[in-house]
Amino acid sequence: MRTIVSLALGMILIAALAVTAAAQKPVTLSGKITCAMCDLKTEKSCMTVIVVKEDGKDVTYYLDEKSGKANHDAICDAGKDGTVTGTVSEKDGKKYITATKVDFKK
């Protein structure tokens, strides 16, 4: 009986790790990098976001604090097209991207 329980718990652990690894796969988002307050008027303070088209709808991803601050001066007055590479997560109904790379189109 112990063996069966141990095997079952092991299988559950492996499945959980596989789901976590799949969720952490880096993605590249392309769209308009802009300010959620100044341009989109959706926040009460400046926040760097990228707006992408998904299934014909605009979807907003908030950049993590570090990369958001590092790139905010370039987009606060006017958004720019570009790409953001990183891992995506969701919290409180909002999508976030922990960026490893931010590129603006020239």
N, C-alpha and C. Protein backbone atom coordinates (compact mmCIF):
# COMPACT_ATOMS: atom_id res chain seq x y z
N MET A 1 0.82 -1.19 0.00
CA MET A 1 0.00 0.00 0.00
C MET A 1 0.87 1.26 0.00
N ARG A 2 1.95 1.24 0.78
CA ARG A 2 2.85 2.40 0.82
C ARG A 2 3.45 2.66 -0.56
N THR A 3 3.78 1.60 -1.25
CA THR A 3 4.38 1.73 -2.58
C THR A 3 3.42 2.40 -3.54
N ILE A 4 2.17 2.02 -3.51
CA ILE A 4 1.17 2.60 -4.40
C ILE A 4 0.99 4.08 -4.09
N VAL A 5 0.90 4.41 -2.81
CA VAL A 5 0.74 5.81 -2.42
C VAL A 5 1.98 6.61 -2.83
N SER A 6 3.15 6.07 -2.63
CA SER A 6 4.39 6.75 -3.02
C SER A 6 4.44 6.97 -4.52
N LEU A 7 4.07 5.96 -5.30
CA LEU A 7 4.05 6.09 -6.75
C LEU A 7 3.03 7.15 -7.19
N ALA A 8 1.87 7.15 -6.58
CA ALA A 8 0.84 8.13 -6.93
C ALA A 8 1.31 9.55 -6.63
N LEU A 9 1.91 9.75 -5.46
CA LEU A 9 2.42 11.08 -5.11
C LEU A 9 3.55 11.50 -6.04
N GLY A 10 4.39 10.55 -6.42
CA GLY A 10 5.47 10.84 -7.36
C GLY A 10 4.93 11.28 -8.72
N MET A 11 3.89 10.60 -9.19
CA MET A 11 3.28 10.95 -10.47
C MET A 11 2.64 12.33 -10.41
N ILE A 12 2.01 12.64 -9.30
CA ILE A 12 1.40 13.96 -9.13
C ILE A 12 2.47 15.05 -9.14
N LEU A 13 3.57 14.80 -8.46
CA LEU A 13 4.67 15.76 -8.41
C LEU A 13 5.26 15.98 -9.80
N ILE A 14 5.45 14.93 -10.55
CA ILE A 14 5.99 15.04 -11.91
C ILE A 14 5.03 15.83 -12.80
N ALA A 15 3.74 15.57 -12.69
CA ALA A 15 2.75 16.29 -13.48
C ALA A 15 2.74 17.78 -13.12
N ALA A 16 2.83 18.08 -11.84
CA ALA A 16 2.85 19.48 -11.40
C ALA A 16 4.09 20.21 -11.92
N LEU A 17 5.23 19.54 -11.89
CA LEU A 17 6.46 20.15 -12.40
C LEU A 17 6.37 20.37 -13.91
N ALA A 18 5.76 19.45 -14.63
CA ALA A 18 5.61 19.59 -16.07
C ALA A 18 4.72 20.78 -16.42
N VAL A 19 3.64 20.95 -15.68
CA VAL A 19 2.74 22.09 -15.91
C VAL A 19 3.45 23.39 -15.60
N THR A 20 4.21 23.44 -14.51
CA THR A 20 4.96 24.64 -14.14
C THR A 20 6.00 24.97 -15.18
N ALA A 21 6.71 23.98 -15.68
CA ALA A 21 7.73 24.21 -16.70
C ALA A 21 7.11 24.73 -17.98
N ALA A 22 5.95 24.21 -18.35
CA ALA A 22 5.28 24.68 -19.56
C ALA A 22 4.80 26.11 -19.40
N ALA A 23 4.35 26.48 -18.23
CA ALA A 23 3.87 27.83 -17.98
C ALA A 23 5.00 28.84 -17.98
N GLN A 24 6.22 28.42 -17.72
CA GLN A 24 7.36 29.32 -17.65
C GLN A 24 8.13 29.42 -18.97
N LYS A 25 7.59 28.86 -20.03
CA LYS A 25 8.26 28.91 -21.32
C LYS A 25 8.27 30.35 -21.83
N PRO A 26 9.43 30.86 -22.24
CA PRO A 26 9.50 32.24 -22.73
C PRO A 26 8.69 32.43 -24.01
N VAL A 27 8.05 33.59 -24.11
CA VAL A 27 7.28 33.96 -25.29
C VAL A 27 7.76 35.32 -25.78
N THR A 28 7.49 35.62 -27.02
CA THR A 28 7.78 36.94 -27.57
C THR A 28 6.47 37.57 -28.00
N LEU A 29 6.18 38.73 -27.44
CA LEU A 29 4.97 39.47 -27.76
C LEU A 29 5.33 40.65 -28.65
N SER A 30 4.54 40.87 -29.70
CA SER A 30 4.76 42.01 -30.59
C SER A 30 3.53 42.91 -30.55
N GLY A 31 3.78 44.20 -30.44
CA GLY A 31 2.67 45.15 -30.39
C GLY A 31 3.15 46.54 -30.05
N LYS A 32 2.28 47.31 -29.43
CA LYS A 32 2.59 48.69 -29.06
C LYS A 32 3.00 48.73 -27.59
N ILE A 33 4.23 49.19 -27.34
CA ILE A 33 4.71 49.36 -25.98
C ILE A 33 4.39 50.79 -25.59
N THR A 34 3.65 50.96 -24.51
CA THR A 34 3.15 52.29 -24.17
C THR A 34 2.91 52.43 -22.68
N CYS A 35 2.39 53.58 -22.27
CA CYS A 35 2.09 53.87 -20.86
C CYS A 35 0.61 53.65 -20.60
N ALA A 36 0.31 52.87 -19.58
CA ALA A 36 -1.08 52.56 -19.25
C ALA A 36 -1.84 53.78 -18.74
N MET A 37 -1.14 54.75 -18.13
CA MET A 37 -1.81 55.94 -17.64
C MET A 37 -1.90 57.02 -18.73
N CYS A 38 -0.78 57.39 -19.28
CA CYS A 38 -0.73 58.53 -20.20
C CYS A 38 -1.39 58.25 -21.55
N ASP A 39 -1.22 57.05 -22.08
CA ASP A 39 -1.76 56.72 -23.39
C ASP A 39 -3.10 55.99 -23.30
N LEU A 40 -3.15 54.94 -22.51
CA LEU A 40 -4.36 54.12 -22.45
C LEU A 40 -5.42 54.64 -21.48
N LYS A 41 -4.99 55.46 -20.52
CA LYS A 41 -5.91 56.02 -19.51
C LYS A 41 -6.61 54.93 -18.70
N THR A 42 -5.87 53.83 -18.41
CA THR A 42 -6.46 52.71 -17.66
C THR A 42 -5.90 52.58 -16.25
N GLU A 43 -4.86 53.34 -15.92
CA GLU A 43 -4.23 53.27 -14.60
C GLU A 43 -4.10 54.68 -14.02
N LYS A 44 -3.90 54.74 -12.71
CA LYS A 44 -3.74 56.03 -12.04
C LYS A 44 -2.29 56.46 -11.91
N SER A 45 -1.37 55.59 -12.27
CA SER A 45 0.05 55.94 -12.27
C SER A 45 0.69 55.32 -13.52
N CYS A 46 1.84 55.86 -13.90
CA CYS A 46 2.53 55.37 -15.09
C CYS A 46 2.94 53.91 -14.92
N MET A 47 2.64 53.11 -15.92
CA MET A 47 3.02 51.70 -15.95
C MET A 47 3.31 51.35 -17.40
N THR A 48 4.41 50.65 -17.63
CA THR A 48 4.77 50.24 -18.97
C THR A 48 4.03 48.95 -19.33
N VAL A 49 3.39 48.97 -20.50
CA VAL A 49 2.61 47.83 -20.96
C VAL A 49 2.91 47.58 -22.43
N ILE A 50 2.57 46.40 -22.88
CA ILE A 50 2.57 46.10 -24.31
C ILE A 50 1.16 45.64 -24.66
N VAL A 51 0.60 46.24 -25.71
CA VAL A 51 -0.74 45.90 -26.17
C VAL A 51 -0.58 45.07 -27.44
N VAL A 52 -1.09 43.86 -27.41
CA VAL A 52 -0.97 42.93 -28.55
C VAL A 52 -2.37 42.53 -29.02
N LYS A 53 -2.45 42.12 -30.27
CA LYS A 53 -3.71 41.61 -30.83
C LYS A 53 -3.74 40.10 -30.63
N GLU A 54 -4.80 39.62 -29.97
CA GLU A 54 -5.02 38.19 -29.79
C GLU A 54 -6.47 37.90 -30.15
N ASP A 55 -6.67 37.06 -31.13
CA ASP A 55 -8.02 36.72 -31.60
C ASP A 55 -8.82 37.97 -31.95
N GLY A 56 -8.16 38.94 -32.57
CA GLY A 56 -8.83 40.17 -33.00
C GLY A 56 -9.10 41.18 -31.91
N LYS A 57 -8.64 40.92 -30.69
CA LYS A 57 -8.87 41.84 -29.57
C LYS A 57 -7.55 42.36 -29.03
N ASP A 58 -7.56 43.58 -28.50
CA ASP A 58 -6.38 44.12 -27.83
C ASP A 58 -6.25 43.49 -26.45
N VAL A 59 -5.06 42.96 -26.16
CA VAL A 59 -4.77 42.39 -24.85
C VAL A 59 -3.56 43.12 -24.29
N THR A 60 -3.67 43.58 -23.05
CA THR A 60 -2.62 44.35 -22.41
C THR A 60 -1.83 43.48 -21.44
N TYR A 61 -0.50 43.51 -21.60
CA TYR A 61 0.42 42.81 -20.71
C TYR A 61 1.24 43.87 -19.98
N TYR A 62 1.26 43.82 -18.67
CA TYR A 62 2.05 44.75 -17.87
C TYR A 62 3.47 44.21 -17.72
N LEU A 63 4.47 45.08 -18.01
CA LEU A 63 5.85 44.67 -17.84
C LEU A 63 6.20 44.65 -16.35
N ASP A 64 7.10 43.75 -15.97
CA ASP A 64 7.53 43.69 -14.58
C ASP A 64 8.17 45.03 -14.20
N GLU A 65 8.26 45.29 -12.91
CA GLU A 65 8.71 46.59 -12.41
C GLU A 65 10.09 46.99 -12.95
N LYS A 66 11.04 46.07 -12.94
CA LYS A 66 12.41 46.39 -13.36
C LYS A 66 12.46 46.80 -14.84
N SER A 67 11.94 45.96 -15.72
CA SER A 67 12.00 46.29 -17.15
C SER A 67 11.04 47.42 -17.50
N GLY A 68 9.95 47.54 -16.76
CA GLY A 68 9.02 48.64 -16.99
C GLY A 68 9.67 49.99 -16.73
N LYS A 69 10.36 50.10 -15.61
CA LYS A 69 11.05 51.35 -15.28
C LYS A 69 12.19 51.63 -16.25
N ALA A 70 12.93 50.59 -16.63
CA ALA A 70 14.08 50.76 -17.53
C ALA A 70 13.67 51.26 -18.91
N ASN A 71 12.44 50.98 -19.33
CA ASN A 71 12.01 51.35 -20.68
C ASN A 71 10.92 52.42 -20.72
N HIS A 72 10.51 52.92 -19.57
CA HIS A 72 9.37 53.82 -19.53
C HIS A 72 9.63 55.19 -20.17
N ASP A 73 10.79 55.75 -19.97
CA ASP A 73 11.07 57.07 -20.54
C ASP A 73 10.91 57.09 -22.06
N ALA A 74 11.20 55.99 -22.71
CA ALA A 74 11.12 55.91 -24.16
C ALA A 74 9.68 55.92 -24.69
N ILE A 75 8.70 55.58 -23.83
CA ILE A 75 7.34 55.40 -24.32
C ILE A 75 6.28 56.24 -23.60
N CYS A 76 6.64 56.99 -22.58
CA CYS A 76 5.62 57.66 -21.77
C CYS A 76 4.85 58.71 -22.57
N ASP A 77 5.54 59.51 -23.36
CA ASP A 77 4.85 60.54 -24.14
C ASP A 77 4.13 59.98 -25.36
N ALA A 78 4.71 58.95 -25.97
CA ALA A 78 4.10 58.33 -27.14
C ALA A 78 4.57 56.88 -27.23
N GLY A 79 3.63 55.98 -27.41
CA GLY A 79 3.96 54.57 -27.51
C GLY A 79 4.75 54.27 -28.77
N LYS A 80 5.44 53.14 -28.74
CA LYS A 80 6.24 52.71 -29.88
C LYS A 80 5.98 51.23 -30.13
N ASP A 81 6.02 50.85 -31.40
CA ASP A 81 5.90 49.43 -31.74
C ASP A 81 7.17 48.71 -31.32
N GLY A 82 7.01 47.47 -30.89
CA GLY A 82 8.17 46.71 -30.48
C GLY A 82 7.81 45.31 -30.06
N THR A 83 8.80 44.62 -29.49
CA THR A 83 8.61 43.25 -29.00
C THR A 83 9.15 43.14 -27.58
N VAL A 84 8.51 42.26 -26.82
CA VAL A 84 8.95 41.96 -25.46
C VAL A 84 9.03 40.45 -25.34
N THR A 85 10.18 39.96 -24.89
CA THR A 85 10.38 38.53 -24.68
C THR A 85 10.47 38.28 -23.18
N GLY A 86 9.80 37.24 -22.71
CA GLY A 86 9.83 36.90 -21.30
C GLY A 86 8.80 35.85 -20.96
N THR A 87 8.55 35.69 -19.67
CA THR A 87 7.58 34.70 -19.21
C THR A 87 6.30 35.42 -18.77
N VAL A 88 5.18 34.83 -19.12
CA VAL A 88 3.87 35.42 -18.87
C VAL A 88 3.23 34.80 -17.64
N SER A 89 2.54 35.64 -16.88
CA SER A 89 1.77 35.16 -15.73
C SER A 89 0.50 36.00 -15.65
N GLU A 90 -0.38 35.60 -14.75
CA GLU A 90 -1.63 36.34 -14.56
C GLU A 90 -1.89 36.50 -13.08
N LYS A 91 -2.35 37.70 -12.71
CA LYS A 91 -2.65 37.97 -11.30
C LYS A 91 -3.78 39.00 -11.26
N ASP A 92 -4.78 38.71 -10.46
CA ASP A 92 -5.92 39.61 -10.28
C ASP A 92 -6.56 40.02 -11.61
N GLY A 93 -6.62 39.08 -12.56
CA GLY A 93 -7.26 39.35 -13.83
C GLY A 93 -6.41 40.12 -14.83
N LYS A 94 -5.18 40.44 -14.48
CA LYS A 94 -4.28 41.16 -15.38
C LYS A 94 -3.15 40.24 -15.81
N LYS A 95 -2.69 40.43 -17.04
CA LYS A 95 -1.58 39.64 -17.56
C LYS A 95 -0.28 40.42 -17.39
N TYR A 96 0.75 39.71 -16.98
CA TYR A 96 2.07 40.31 -16.74
C TYR A 96 3.12 39.55 -17.54
N ILE A 97 4.19 40.26 -17.91
CA ILE A 97 5.32 39.61 -18.55
C ILE A 97 6.59 40.03 -17.82
N THR A 98 7.33 39.05 -17.36
CA THR A 98 8.64 39.29 -16.76
C THR A 98 9.62 39.29 -17.91
N ALA A 99 10.01 40.48 -18.33
CA ALA A 99 10.78 40.64 -19.56
C ALA A 99 12.25 40.30 -19.40
N THR A 100 12.76 39.59 -20.40
CA THR A 100 14.18 39.33 -20.49
C THR A 100 14.79 40.17 -21.60
N LYS A 101 13.91 40.67 -22.51
CA LYS A 101 14.39 41.49 -23.62
C LYS A 101 13.27 42.39 -24.11
N VAL A 102 13.57 43.66 -24.32
CA VAL A 102 12.62 44.62 -24.88
C VAL A 102 13.29 45.29 -26.07
N ASP A 103 12.65 45.23 -27.23
CA ASP A 103 13.19 45.84 -28.45
C ASP A 103 12.13 46.75 -29.06
N PHE A 104 12.56 47.95 -29.45
CA PHE A 104 11.68 48.88 -30.14
C PHE A 104 11.99 48.83 -31.63
N LYS A 105 10.93 48.90 -32.46
CA LYS A 105 11.14 48.93 -33.91
C LYS A 105 11.75 50.26 -34.29
N LYS A 106 12.61 50.21 -35.27
CA LYS A 106 13.30 51.44 -35.71
C LYS A 106 12.61 52.06 -36.87
